[in-house]
Amino acid sequence: MKETIRHDDFMRERLADAGFAAGYLQAALEDGEPAVLLVALRRIADARGGMAKLAQATGLTREALYRTLSAAGNPRLTSLAAILAATGLRLTIVPAEPVRRRTKRATPAGKRSPVAGAIVEGERIGRQRSRNRLPR
């Protein structure tokens, strides 16, 4: 008969791995609910030695960590960065959508202007300002 393992024990074992923990936090972040991210970070902290070890590494008290990493927590960026660093993770920022490159438009005569808004052969090229906007 196969031996079974409790879900909490399995997750604690898996969250000790930095790669798995990073994916776990990424999924929690994509959920869009801050409470999910904080509880996920708390589970990672538990898997990596517990709150006492995390408190020692971050310089925060255990009580402050429990409050911060609760579903109702509201951590400061400095606290969040310290917690992530102590768990072997870091915060990174990436574009939400792929960046689109703008293509250059040729003037009617086929010439390109080195400056947007320049006049080439009597025609203005570049973006036209809306009448509702204030002049720059």
N, C-alpha and C. Protein backbone atom coordinates (compact mmCIF):
# COMPACT_ATOMS: atom_id res chain seq x y z
N MET A 1 0.85 -1.17 0.00
CA MET A 1 0.00 0.00 0.00
C MET A 1 0.90 1.25 0.00
N LYS A 2 0.51 2.25 -0.82
CA LYS A 2 1.29 3.48 -0.89
C LYS A 2 1.10 4.31 0.36
N GLU A 3 2.18 4.90 0.80
CA GLU A 3 2.12 5.77 1.97
C GLU A 3 1.64 7.15 1.51
N THR A 4 0.75 7.74 2.24
CA THR A 4 0.24 9.07 1.89
C THR A 4 0.90 10.10 2.78
N ILE A 5 0.86 11.33 2.31
CA ILE A 5 1.42 12.45 3.06
C ILE A 5 0.36 13.54 3.14
N ARG A 6 0.31 14.22 4.25
CA ARG A 6 -0.65 15.31 4.41
C ARG A 6 -0.29 16.47 3.48
N HIS A 7 -1.31 17.16 3.01
CA HIS A 7 -1.10 18.27 2.08
C HIS A 7 -0.18 19.34 2.68
N ASP A 8 -0.42 19.72 3.93
CA ASP A 8 0.40 20.74 4.57
C ASP A 8 1.86 20.32 4.63
N ASP A 9 2.12 19.05 4.95
CA ASP A 9 3.49 18.56 5.00
C ASP A 9 4.12 18.56 3.61
N PHE A 10 3.35 18.16 2.62
CA PHE A 10 3.84 18.16 1.24
C PHE A 10 4.20 19.58 0.80
N MET A 11 3.31 20.54 1.06
CA MET A 11 3.57 21.93 0.66
C MET A 11 4.76 22.51 1.42
N ARG A 12 4.89 22.22 2.68
CA ARG A 12 6.03 22.70 3.46
C ARG A 12 7.34 22.19 2.86
N GLU A 13 7.32 20.94 2.45
CA GLU A 13 8.50 20.33 1.84
C GLU A 13 8.82 21.00 0.49
N ARG A 14 7.80 21.22 -0.31
CA ARG A 14 8.00 21.83 -1.64
C ARG A 14 8.38 23.30 -1.55
N LEU A 15 7.79 24.04 -0.59
CA LEU A 15 8.08 25.47 -0.46
C LEU A 15 9.48 25.76 0.05
N ALA A 16 10.17 24.75 0.52
CA ALA A 16 11.57 24.93 0.93
C ALA A 16 12.46 25.16 -0.29
N ASP A 17 11.99 24.74 -1.47
CA ASP A 17 12.72 24.95 -2.72
C ASP A 17 12.45 26.36 -3.24
N ALA A 18 13.50 27.13 -3.51
CA ALA A 18 13.35 28.53 -3.93
C ALA A 18 12.58 28.66 -5.24
N GLY A 19 12.82 27.79 -6.19
CA GLY A 19 12.13 27.86 -7.48
C GLY A 19 10.64 27.61 -7.34
N PHE A 20 10.28 26.61 -6.55
CA PHE A 20 8.87 26.33 -6.32
C PHE A 20 8.22 27.48 -5.56
N ALA A 21 8.93 28.00 -4.55
CA ALA A 21 8.40 29.11 -3.75
C ALA A 21 8.15 30.34 -4.62
N ALA A 22 9.07 30.62 -5.55
CA ALA A 22 8.90 31.77 -6.44
C ALA A 22 7.67 31.59 -7.33
N GLY A 23 7.48 30.41 -7.88
CA GLY A 23 6.29 30.14 -8.70
C GLY A 23 5.01 30.22 -7.89
N TYR A 24 5.07 29.75 -6.66
CA TYR A 24 3.92 29.79 -5.75
C TYR A 24 3.52 31.24 -5.46
N LEU A 25 4.52 32.08 -5.18
CA LEU A 25 4.25 33.50 -4.92
C LEU A 25 3.75 34.20 -6.18
N GLN A 26 4.30 33.85 -7.33
CA GLN A 26 3.87 34.45 -8.58
C GLN A 26 2.40 34.13 -8.84
N ALA A 27 2.00 32.89 -8.60
CA ALA A 27 0.60 32.49 -8.78
C ALA A 27 -0.29 33.24 -7.78
N ALA A 28 0.19 33.41 -6.56
CA ALA A 28 -0.59 34.14 -5.55
C ALA A 28 -0.73 35.61 -5.95
N LEU A 29 0.31 36.18 -6.50
CA LEU A 29 0.27 37.58 -6.93
C LEU A 29 -0.69 37.76 -8.11
N GLU A 30 -0.70 36.82 -9.03
CA GLU A 30 -1.58 36.90 -10.18
C GLU A 30 -3.04 36.74 -9.80
N ASP A 31 -3.31 36.20 -8.62
CA ASP A 31 -4.68 36.08 -8.14
C ASP A 31 -5.32 37.45 -7.99
N GLY A 32 -4.50 38.46 -7.70
CA GLY A 32 -5.00 39.83 -7.61
C GLY A 32 -5.48 40.25 -6.23
N GLU A 33 -5.56 39.32 -5.32
CA GLU A 33 -6.02 39.61 -3.96
C GLU A 33 -4.80 39.69 -3.03
N PRO A 34 -4.53 40.86 -2.43
CA PRO A 34 -3.34 41.00 -1.57
C PRO A 34 -3.28 39.98 -0.44
N ALA A 35 -4.42 39.61 0.12
CA ALA A 35 -4.44 38.65 1.23
C ALA A 35 -3.87 37.30 0.81
N VAL A 36 -4.12 36.90 -0.44
CA VAL A 36 -3.61 35.62 -0.93
C VAL A 36 -2.08 35.65 -0.97
N LEU A 37 -1.51 36.76 -1.43
CA LEU A 37 -0.06 36.90 -1.48
C LEU A 37 0.55 36.84 -0.09
N LEU A 38 -0.06 37.54 0.86
CA LEU A 38 0.50 37.58 2.21
C LEU A 38 0.44 36.22 2.90
N VAL A 39 -0.65 35.50 2.73
CA VAL A 39 -0.77 34.17 3.32
C VAL A 39 0.22 33.21 2.65
N ALA A 40 0.41 33.34 1.34
CA ALA A 40 1.38 32.51 0.64
C ALA A 40 2.79 32.79 1.15
N LEU A 41 3.11 34.04 1.38
CA LEU A 41 4.42 34.40 1.92
C LEU A 41 4.60 33.86 3.33
N ARG A 42 3.54 33.84 4.10
CA ARG A 42 3.59 33.28 5.45
C ARG A 42 3.87 31.77 5.41
N ARG A 43 3.24 31.08 4.46
CA ARG A 43 3.48 29.64 4.32
C ARG A 43 4.93 29.36 3.91
N ILE A 44 5.48 30.21 3.06
CA ILE A 44 6.88 30.06 2.67
C ILE A 44 7.79 30.29 3.87
N ALA A 45 7.47 31.30 4.67
CA ALA A 45 8.26 31.57 5.87
C ALA A 45 8.22 30.38 6.83
N ASP A 46 7.05 29.78 7.00
CA ASP A 46 6.93 28.60 7.86
C ASP A 46 7.77 27.45 7.32
N ALA A 47 7.79 27.27 6.02
CA ALA A 47 8.54 26.19 5.40
C ALA A 47 10.04 26.40 5.48
N ARG A 48 10.46 27.63 5.62
CA ARG A 48 11.89 27.95 5.62
C ARG A 48 12.44 28.20 7.02
N GLY A 49 11.84 27.62 8.02
CA GLY A 49 12.39 27.73 9.36
C GLY A 49 11.48 28.36 10.38
N GLY A 50 10.35 28.91 9.96
CA GLY A 50 9.39 29.46 10.89
C GLY A 50 9.55 30.95 11.14
N MET A 51 8.61 31.47 11.91
CA MET A 51 8.56 32.91 12.17
C MET A 51 9.70 33.38 13.06
N ALA A 52 10.14 32.56 13.99
CA ALA A 52 11.23 32.97 14.88
C ALA A 52 12.51 33.20 14.07
N LYS A 53 12.81 32.30 13.17
CA LYS A 53 14.00 32.43 12.33
C LYS A 53 13.85 33.64 11.39
N LEU A 54 12.66 33.82 10.83
CA LEU A 54 12.41 34.96 9.96
C LEU A 54 12.52 36.28 10.73
N ALA A 55 12.01 36.30 11.94
CA ALA A 55 12.10 37.51 12.77
C ALA A 55 13.56 37.88 13.03
N GLN A 56 14.36 36.89 13.30
CA GLN A 56 15.77 37.13 13.56
C GLN A 56 16.46 37.66 12.30
N ALA A 57 16.13 37.11 11.14
CA ALA A 57 16.76 37.51 9.89
C ALA A 57 16.32 38.90 9.42
N THR A 58 15.08 39.28 9.73
CA THR A 58 14.55 40.57 9.25
C THR A 58 14.68 41.70 10.25
N GLY A 59 14.84 41.36 11.51
CA GLY A 59 14.88 42.40 12.53
C GLY A 59 13.50 42.82 12.99
N LEU A 60 12.46 42.14 12.51
CA LEU A 60 11.09 42.41 12.94
C LEU A 60 10.72 41.43 14.05
N THR A 61 9.76 41.80 14.87
CA THR A 61 9.32 40.88 15.92
C THR A 61 8.42 39.80 15.33
N ARG A 62 8.32 38.68 16.02
CA ARG A 62 7.42 37.61 15.57
C ARG A 62 5.99 38.11 15.47
N GLU A 63 5.58 38.88 16.47
CA GLU A 63 4.21 39.40 16.48
C GLU A 63 3.95 40.29 15.26
N ALA A 64 4.93 41.14 14.93
CA ALA A 64 4.78 42.02 13.77
C ALA A 64 4.71 41.20 12.48
N LEU A 65 5.48 40.12 12.42
CA LEU A 65 5.44 39.26 11.24
C LEU A 65 4.09 38.56 11.11
N TYR A 66 3.56 38.06 12.22
CA TYR A 66 2.25 37.41 12.16
C TYR A 66 1.17 38.39 11.70
N ARG A 67 1.23 39.63 12.19
CA ARG A 67 0.25 40.64 11.77
C ARG A 67 0.45 40.99 10.30
N THR A 68 1.70 41.20 9.90
CA THR A 68 2.01 41.60 8.54
C THR A 68 1.60 40.55 7.53
N LEU A 69 1.85 39.28 7.87
CA LEU A 69 1.58 38.20 6.93
C LEU A 69 0.24 37.52 7.16
N SER A 70 -0.69 38.25 7.76
CA SER A 70 -2.05 37.73 7.92
C SER A 70 -2.88 38.20 6.73
N ALA A 71 -4.06 37.66 6.58
CA ALA A 71 -4.94 38.05 5.48
C ALA A 71 -5.30 39.53 5.56
N ALA A 72 -5.29 40.12 6.76
CA ALA A 72 -5.61 41.54 6.94
C ALA A 72 -4.36 42.40 6.99
N GLY A 73 -3.19 41.81 6.75
CA GLY A 73 -1.93 42.55 6.84
C GLY A 73 -1.79 43.62 5.77
N ASN A 74 -0.97 44.61 6.07
CA ASN A 74 -0.69 45.69 5.14
C ASN A 74 0.77 46.09 5.30
N PRO A 75 1.68 45.27 4.76
CA PRO A 75 3.11 45.51 5.00
C PRO A 75 3.64 46.73 4.26
N ARG A 76 4.66 47.34 4.86
CA ARG A 76 5.39 48.41 4.19
C ARG A 76 6.31 47.75 3.17
N LEU A 77 6.72 48.49 2.19
CA LEU A 77 7.61 47.95 1.16
C LEU A 77 8.93 47.49 1.77
N THR A 78 9.44 48.22 2.74
CA THR A 78 10.70 47.82 3.38
C THR A 78 10.54 46.50 4.12
N SER A 79 9.42 46.29 4.78
CA SER A 79 9.17 45.03 5.48
C SER A 79 9.03 43.88 4.48
N LEU A 80 8.30 44.12 3.40
CA LEU A 80 8.11 43.10 2.38
C LEU A 80 9.44 42.72 1.74
N ALA A 81 10.27 43.70 1.43
CA ALA A 81 11.58 43.43 0.84
C ALA A 81 12.46 42.64 1.80
N ALA A 82 12.42 42.98 3.10
CA ALA A 82 13.21 42.26 4.09
C ALA A 82 12.74 40.81 4.23
N ILE A 83 11.44 40.61 4.22
CA ILE A 83 10.88 39.25 4.34
C ILE A 83 11.26 38.42 3.12
N LEU A 84 11.13 39.00 1.94
CA LEU A 84 11.49 38.28 0.73
C LEU A 84 12.97 37.94 0.71
N ALA A 85 13.81 38.88 1.09
CA ALA A 85 15.26 38.63 1.11
C ALA A 85 15.61 37.52 2.10
N ALA A 86 14.96 37.53 3.25
CA ALA A 86 15.24 36.51 4.26
C ALA A 86 14.78 35.12 3.83
N THR A 87 13.81 35.07 2.92
CA THR A 87 13.34 33.77 2.42
C THR A 87 14.04 33.37 1.13
N GLY A 88 15.02 34.18 0.70
CA GLY A 88 15.78 33.85 -0.50
C GLY A 88 15.10 34.27 -1.78
N LEU A 89 14.18 35.22 -1.71
CA LEU A 89 13.46 35.69 -2.88
C LEU A 89 13.64 37.20 -3.01
N ARG A 90 13.23 37.75 -4.15
CA ARG A 90 13.28 39.20 -4.33
C ARG A 90 12.13 39.66 -5.19
N LEU A 91 11.82 40.92 -5.10
CA LEU A 91 10.73 41.53 -5.84
C LEU A 91 11.29 42.06 -7.15
N THR A 92 10.64 41.74 -8.28
CA THR A 92 11.04 42.27 -9.58
C THR A 92 9.81 42.84 -10.28
N ILE A 93 10.06 43.75 -11.20
CA ILE A 93 8.99 44.39 -11.95
C ILE A 93 9.19 44.07 -13.43
N VAL A 94 8.12 43.66 -14.10
CA VAL A 94 8.18 43.38 -15.53
C VAL A 94 7.00 44.07 -16.20
N PRO A 95 7.09 44.33 -17.50
CA PRO A 95 5.96 44.96 -18.18
C PRO A 95 4.71 44.07 -18.12
N ALA A 96 3.57 44.70 -17.97
CA ALA A 96 2.31 43.96 -17.91
C ALA A 96 1.96 43.36 -19.26
N GLU A 97 2.31 44.06 -20.34
CA GLU A 97 2.04 43.59 -21.69
C GLU A 97 3.31 43.72 -22.51
N PRO A 98 3.43 42.92 -23.56
CA PRO A 98 4.60 43.07 -24.43
C PRO A 98 4.68 44.49 -24.98
N VAL A 99 5.87 45.04 -25.06
CA VAL A 99 6.07 46.39 -25.56
C VAL A 99 5.99 46.36 -27.08
N ARG A 100 5.16 47.22 -27.64
CA ARG A 100 5.02 47.31 -29.09
C ARG A 100 5.98 48.37 -29.60
N ARG A 101 6.64 48.05 -30.67
CA ARG A 101 7.55 49.03 -31.28
C ARG A 101 6.78 49.86 -32.29
N ARG A 102 7.05 51.14 -32.26
CA ARG A 102 6.40 52.02 -33.22
C ARG A 102 7.13 51.94 -34.54
N THR A 103 6.39 51.96 -35.62
CA THR A 103 7.00 51.95 -36.94
C THR A 103 7.07 53.37 -37.46
N LYS A 104 8.09 53.65 -38.23
CA LYS A 104 8.24 54.98 -38.80
C LYS A 104 7.37 55.09 -40.03
N ARG A 105 6.75 56.26 -40.18
CA ARG A 105 5.93 56.51 -41.36
C ARG A 105 6.72 57.36 -42.35
N ALA A 106 6.57 57.04 -43.59
CA ALA A 106 7.23 57.84 -44.63
C ALA A 106 6.33 59.02 -44.98
N THR A 107 6.94 60.11 -45.40
CA THR A 107 6.17 61.27 -45.86
C THR A 107 5.62 60.94 -47.24
N PRO A 108 4.62 61.69 -47.69
CA PRO A 108 4.04 61.38 -49.00
C PRO A 108 5.06 61.34 -50.12
N ALA A 109 6.10 62.15 -50.03
CA ALA A 109 7.11 62.17 -51.08
C ALA A 109 8.13 61.05 -50.88
N GLY A 110 8.00 60.26 -49.83
CA GLY A 110 8.92 59.16 -49.59
C GLY A 110 10.11 59.54 -48.74
N LYS A 111 10.18 60.79 -48.32
CA LYS A 111 11.30 61.23 -47.48
C LYS A 111 10.94 61.08 -46.01
N ARG A 112 11.92 60.81 -45.18
CA ARG A 112 11.71 60.71 -43.74
C ARG A 112 12.24 61.98 -43.08
N SER A 113 11.52 62.42 -42.08
CA SER A 113 11.96 63.58 -41.33
C SER A 113 12.72 63.13 -40.10
N PRO A 114 13.84 63.74 -39.78
CA PRO A 114 14.58 63.36 -38.58
C PRO A 114 13.89 63.80 -37.30
N VAL A 115 12.94 64.70 -37.37
CA VAL A 115 12.26 65.21 -36.19
C VAL A 115 10.75 65.09 -36.39
N ALA A 116 10.07 64.45 -35.43
CA ALA A 116 8.61 64.37 -35.51
C ALA A 116 8.04 65.77 -35.44
N GLY A 117 7.09 66.06 -36.28
CA GLY A 117 6.47 67.38 -36.30
C GLY A 117 7.16 68.34 -37.25
N ALA A 118 8.21 67.90 -37.94
CA ALA A 118 8.91 68.77 -38.87
C ALA A 118 8.09 68.92 -40.14
N ILE A 119 8.38 69.95 -40.89
CA ILE A 119 7.66 70.19 -42.14
C ILE A 119 8.53 69.71 -43.29
N VAL A 120 7.98 68.80 -44.08
CA VAL A 120 8.70 68.28 -45.24
C VAL A 120 7.82 68.55 -46.46
N GLU A 121 8.37 69.28 -47.42
CA GLU A 121 7.66 69.64 -48.65
C GLU A 121 6.29 70.23 -48.35
N GLY A 122 6.23 71.13 -47.38
CA GLY A 122 5.00 71.87 -47.10
C GLY A 122 3.97 71.13 -46.28
N GLU A 123 4.22 69.87 -45.86
CA GLU A 123 3.26 69.13 -45.05
C GLU A 123 3.83 68.85 -43.68
N ARG A 124 2.98 68.92 -42.68
CA ARG A 124 3.42 68.65 -41.32
C ARG A 124 3.27 67.15 -41.07
N ILE A 125 4.33 66.54 -40.51
CA ILE A 125 4.26 65.12 -40.17
C ILE A 125 4.37 64.99 -38.66
N GLY A 126 4.04 63.86 -38.15
CA GLY A 126 4.08 63.63 -36.71
C GLY A 126 2.67 63.67 -36.15
N ARG A 127 2.59 63.71 -34.84
CA ARG A 127 1.28 63.70 -34.19
C ARG A 127 0.65 65.08 -34.24
N GLN A 128 -0.63 65.12 -34.51
CA GLN A 128 -1.38 66.36 -34.47
C GLN A 128 -1.99 66.51 -33.09
N ARG A 129 -1.96 67.70 -32.55
CA ARG A 129 -2.52 67.93 -31.21
C ARG A 129 -4.03 68.12 -31.31
N SER A 130 -4.70 67.63 -30.30
CA SER A 130 -6.13 67.80 -30.21
C SER A 130 -6.43 69.24 -29.82
N ARG A 131 -7.55 69.76 -30.27
CA ARG A 131 -7.92 71.14 -29.93
C ARG A 131 -8.28 71.26 -28.45
N ASN A 132 -8.63 70.12 -27.81
CA ASN A 132 -9.03 70.16 -26.41
C ASN A 132 -7.82 70.19 -25.45
N ARG A 133 -6.66 69.89 -25.96
CA ARG A 133 -5.47 69.86 -25.10
C ARG A 133 -4.82 71.23 -25.02
N LEU A 134 -4.13 71.45 -23.90
CA LEU A 134 -3.39 72.68 -23.76
C LEU A 134 -2.11 72.60 -24.59
N PRO A 135 -1.62 73.71 -25.10
CA PRO A 135 -0.36 73.67 -25.87
C PRO A 135 0.79 73.33 -24.94
N ARG A 136 1.80 72.71 -25.48
CA ARG A 136 2.97 72.31 -24.69
C ARG A 136 3.92 73.45 -24.51
